[in-house]
Protein backbone atom coordinates (compact mmCIF):
# COMPACT_ATOMS: atom_id res chain seq x y z
CA MET A 1 -5.24 68.59 -73.39
CA ARG A 2 -5.83 67.02 -76.65
CA ARG A 3 -4.23 68.12 -79.99
CA GLY A 4 -6.73 69.81 -82.30
CA LYS A 5 -9.39 70.28 -79.41
CA ILE A 6 -10.82 73.07 -77.59
CA CYS A 7 -11.02 72.82 -73.75
CA VAL A 8 -13.78 74.62 -71.91
CA ILE A 9 -13.95 75.17 -68.45
CA GLY A 10 -17.96 76.37 -68.51
CA ASN A 11 -20.28 78.88 -66.32
CA GLY A 12 -21.06 75.79 -64.07
CA VAL A 13 -17.35 75.54 -62.65
CA VAL A 14 -15.94 76.79 -59.33
CA ILE A 15 -12.23 77.97 -59.90
CA ASP A 16 -9.45 78.46 -57.89
CA PRO A 17 -7.49 81.02 -60.18
CA VAL A 18 -4.03 80.90 -58.50
CA ALA A 19 -3.84 76.68 -58.71
CA LEU A 20 -5.63 77.11 -62.36
CA VAL A 21 -2.36 78.88 -63.01
CA GLY A 22 -0.43 76.54 -61.34
CA GLU A 23 -1.77 73.96 -63.38
CA ILE A 24 -1.27 75.40 -66.35
CA ASP A 25 2.49 76.04 -65.56
CA GLY A 26 3.02 72.51 -64.73
CA LEU A 27 1.77 71.37 -68.05
CA ARG A 28 3.64 73.76 -69.94
CA LYS A 29 7.05 72.52 -68.23
CA VAL A 30 6.34 69.33 -69.66
CA GLY A 31 5.75 70.66 -73.45
CA VAL A 32 1.94 70.81 -73.46
CA ARG A 33 1.01 73.51 -75.24
CA ILE A 34 -1.82 75.94 -73.84
CA GLY A 35 -3.04 78.74 -75.85
CA LYS A 36 -6.06 79.09 -77.83
CA ASN A 37 -7.25 75.77 -76.93
CA LEU A 38 -8.33 76.77 -73.63
CA LEU A 39 -11.29 78.92 -72.84
CA ILE A 40 -12.64 80.02 -69.46
CA SER A 41 -16.10 80.93 -68.91
CA ASP A 42 -16.14 84.72 -67.52
CA CYS A 43 -19.06 83.69 -65.23
CA ALA A 44 -17.14 81.09 -63.77
CA HIS A 45 -17.13 81.87 -59.91
CA LEU A 46 -14.26 81.50 -57.72
CA VAL A 47 -12.97 79.32 -54.96
CA LEU A 48 -11.25 81.75 -52.61
CA PRO A 49 -8.98 81.11 -49.38
CA TYR A 50 -11.80 81.55 -46.91
CA HIS A 51 -13.86 78.92 -49.22
CA ARG A 52 -11.19 76.47 -48.42
CA ALA A 53 -10.52 77.40 -44.10
CA LEU A 54 -14.80 77.45 -43.81
CA ASP A 55 -14.56 73.73 -45.65
CA GLU A 56 -11.91 72.43 -43.38
CA GLN A 57 -13.37 74.22 -40.30
CA ARG A 58 -16.85 72.57 -40.81
CA GLU A 59 -15.62 69.06 -41.63
CA LEU A 60 -13.60 69.30 -38.43
CA ARG A 61 -16.97 70.30 -36.39
CA LYS A 62 -18.28 66.90 -37.84
CA GLY A 63 -16.59 64.31 -35.84
CA HIS A 64 -17.44 61.14 -36.55
CA ALA A 65 -20.19 62.61 -38.72
CA LYS A 66 -17.81 64.04 -41.58
CA ILE A 67 -18.65 63.43 -45.35
CA GLY A 68 -14.46 63.11 -46.14
CA THR A 69 -14.44 66.55 -48.20
CA THR A 70 -11.59 67.22 -50.05
CA LYS A 71 -10.96 70.72 -48.30
CA ARG A 72 -10.71 72.27 -51.38
CA GLY A 73 -13.77 74.99 -50.81
CA ILE A 74 -15.95 73.49 -53.53
CA GLY A 75 -18.86 73.24 -51.36
CA PRO A 76 -18.52 77.19 -49.51
CA ALA A 77 -18.04 78.55 -53.11
CA TYR A 78 -20.83 76.59 -54.49
CA GLY A 79 -22.58 78.11 -51.06
CA ASP A 80 -21.48 81.95 -52.44
CA LYS A 81 -23.06 80.91 -55.90
CA ALA A 82 -26.56 79.56 -55.08
CA ALA A 83 -26.88 82.69 -52.71
CA ARG A 84 -25.59 85.07 -55.66
CA THR A 85 -22.95 86.59 -53.44
CA GLY A 86 -19.66 84.99 -55.30
CA LEU A 87 -16.88 86.33 -57.20
CA ARG A 88 -16.68 85.27 -60.65
CA ILE A 89 -14.00 85.68 -63.11
CA ALA A 90 -15.25 88.24 -64.89
CA ASP A 91 -14.86 90.17 -61.14
CA LEU A 92 -10.86 89.42 -61.64
CA MET A 93 -10.94 91.24 -64.98
CA GLN A 94 -11.95 94.13 -63.28
CA PRO A 95 -9.26 95.09 -60.54
CA GLY A 96 -10.42 98.26 -59.63
CA ALA A 97 -14.49 96.81 -59.04
CA VAL A 98 -13.09 93.70 -57.47
CA LEU A 99 -11.19 95.41 -54.62
CA GLN A 100 -14.50 96.58 -52.46
CA LYS A 101 -16.21 93.18 -53.07
CA LEU A 102 -13.31 90.89 -52.11
CA ARG A 103 -12.62 93.04 -49.27
CA ALA A 104 -16.26 93.18 -48.34
CA LYS A 105 -16.30 89.23 -48.83
CA MET A 106 -13.21 88.50 -46.58
CA ARG A 107 -14.24 90.84 -43.82
CA GLU A 108 -17.93 88.91 -43.59
CA ASN A 109 -16.22 85.68 -43.91
CA ASN A 110 -12.79 86.42 -41.70
CA SER A 111 -15.74 87.14 -38.89
CA ILE A 112 -17.15 83.59 -39.48
CA LEU A 113 -13.57 82.26 -38.97
CA LYS A 114 -12.88 83.81 -36.02
CA ALA A 115 -16.14 82.73 -34.39
CA LEU A 116 -15.16 79.59 -35.23
CA GLY A 117 -11.57 79.72 -33.64
CA ALA A 118 -9.87 79.86 -36.88
CA ARG A 119 -7.11 82.67 -37.99
CA PRO A 120 -8.49 85.34 -40.37
CA ILE A 121 -7.20 85.54 -43.96
CA SER A 122 -4.79 88.27 -45.12
CA PHE A 123 -6.59 90.44 -47.35
CA ALA A 124 -3.51 92.10 -48.92
CA LYS A 125 -2.18 88.73 -49.90
CA VAL A 126 -5.45 87.29 -51.34
CA ASN A 127 -5.80 90.30 -53.15
CA ALA A 128 -2.16 90.29 -54.47
CA ASP A 129 -2.27 86.74 -55.43
CA PHE A 130 -5.92 86.67 -57.04
CA LEU A 131 -5.04 89.56 -59.30
CA ALA A 132 -1.74 88.44 -60.58
CA ALA A 133 -3.70 85.12 -61.12
CA GLY A 134 -6.21 87.20 -63.00
CA GLU A 135 -3.74 88.50 -65.32
CA GLN A 136 -2.69 85.48 -66.30
CA LEU A 137 -5.40 83.85 -66.99
CA ARG A 138 -7.17 86.99 -68.97
CA PRO A 139 -6.10 85.69 -72.38
CA PHE A 140 -8.25 82.49 -71.73
CA VAL A 141 -11.34 84.35 -70.31
CA ALA A 142 -14.58 84.32 -72.80
CA ASN A 143 -17.98 84.14 -73.36
CA THR A 144 -18.11 80.27 -72.96
CA VAL A 145 -21.89 79.80 -73.45
CA VAL A 146 -22.21 81.45 -76.79
CA TYR A 147 -18.76 79.74 -77.90
CA LEU A 148 -20.36 76.28 -77.17
CA HIS A 149 -23.85 77.07 -78.36
CA THR A 150 -21.99 78.34 -81.56
CA ALA A 151 -20.31 74.88 -81.65
CA LEU A 152 -23.59 72.95 -81.40
CA GLN A 153 -25.39 74.66 -84.20
CA GLN A 154 -22.42 73.99 -86.22
CA GLY A 155 -22.41 70.19 -85.85
CA LYS A 156 -19.34 70.18 -83.87
CA GLU A 157 -18.99 66.86 -81.09
CA ILE A 158 -18.65 68.20 -77.50
CA LEU A 159 -17.16 65.96 -74.92
CA SER A 160 -18.75 66.73 -71.32
CA LYS A 161 -16.91 65.38 -68.47
CA ALA A 162 -17.84 64.20 -65.15
CA ARG A 163 -19.30 66.27 -62.04
CA ARG A 164 -16.64 66.11 -59.59
CA GLU A 165 -12.90 66.52 -60.29
CA ARG A 166 -9.65 66.63 -58.43
CA SER A 167 -8.10 69.36 -59.74
CA SER A 168 -8.50 73.25 -58.96
CA THR A 169 -11.91 72.64 -60.29
CA SER A 170 -15.13 70.77 -59.89
CA ILE A 171 -17.36 70.40 -62.99
CA THR A 172 -21.24 70.19 -62.65
CA ALA A 173 -21.74 70.59 -66.20
CA PRO A 174 -24.70 72.88 -66.60
CA ILE A 175 -23.74 73.00 -70.53
CA PRO A 176 -20.97 70.71 -72.00
CA THR A 177 -17.53 71.31 -71.14
CA SER A 178 -14.45 69.04 -71.62
CA LEU A 179 -11.99 69.10 -69.21
CA PRO A 180 -10.65 65.40 -68.66
CA ARG A 181 -8.88 64.77 -65.06
CA THR A 182 -8.61 62.16 -62.21
CA ARG A 183 -11.61 61.88 -59.76
CA PRO A 184 -11.43 62.14 -56.01
CA ARG A 185 -11.83 59.43 -53.81
CA ALA A 186 -14.97 57.71 -53.24
CA ALA A 187 -16.26 59.52 -56.50
CA PRO A 188 -18.35 57.10 -59.16
CA ALA A 189 -16.21 56.66 -62.45
CA PRO A 190 -17.74 58.56 -65.23
CA ALA A 191 -19.72 56.37 -67.20
CA PRO A 192 -20.08 57.45 -71.27
CA ALA A 193 -23.35 57.89 -72.98
CA PHE A 194 -23.68 59.01 -76.51
CA ARG A 195 -25.92 62.00 -77.37
CA ARG A 196 -26.69 63.86 -80.33
CA THR A 197 -24.12 66.39 -79.30
CA GLY A 198 -21.53 63.78 -79.48
CA TRP A 199 -19.63 61.65 -76.53
CA ILE A 200 -20.59 63.06 -73.08
CA ALA A 201 -18.94 61.17 -69.90
CA CYS A 202 -21.87 61.46 -67.35
CA SER A 203 -21.50 60.48 -63.81
CA ALA A 204 -22.83 57.25 -62.61
């Protein structure tokens, strides 16, 4: 978070809202101001507890062929995104509507977890935790596509940061985003490249 800069978490990101709220709270405790300088795409997909559980179970079953996942549920969350079955930040903004969607997804994924020999996840706890996180993130939620396109038209510089990040989010940046974080293990260092829109940090 830089003074005078707007940090944008774009629609190509998958977000664990509970973890993100924790990160925001942690930054505020050390004196970092977070308010109008943060925008979160309403179209960004969610990482839910069953994504993390599936990530772990699949990794365990690969044995020596495991890929070294961080077990943060990023892969399974992107799987739901690709299949167009995932929940989005926008769903959290509609508590009544998200209830049925979340219940259906929890039922489906708990069946898979049981088949893998893992414990099912409590719907009541996930529902309560994620709705609470959604309310805390509500002030930051916006149509970031429109915001960024407008910024480009106005000639503003945009720093797009890396492909995979070690935080509650994983950034693929289908549109420019700006949220500098640290890299996960074994991830390549981002190599800067200058484009018409400004400095863009691209993964090697």
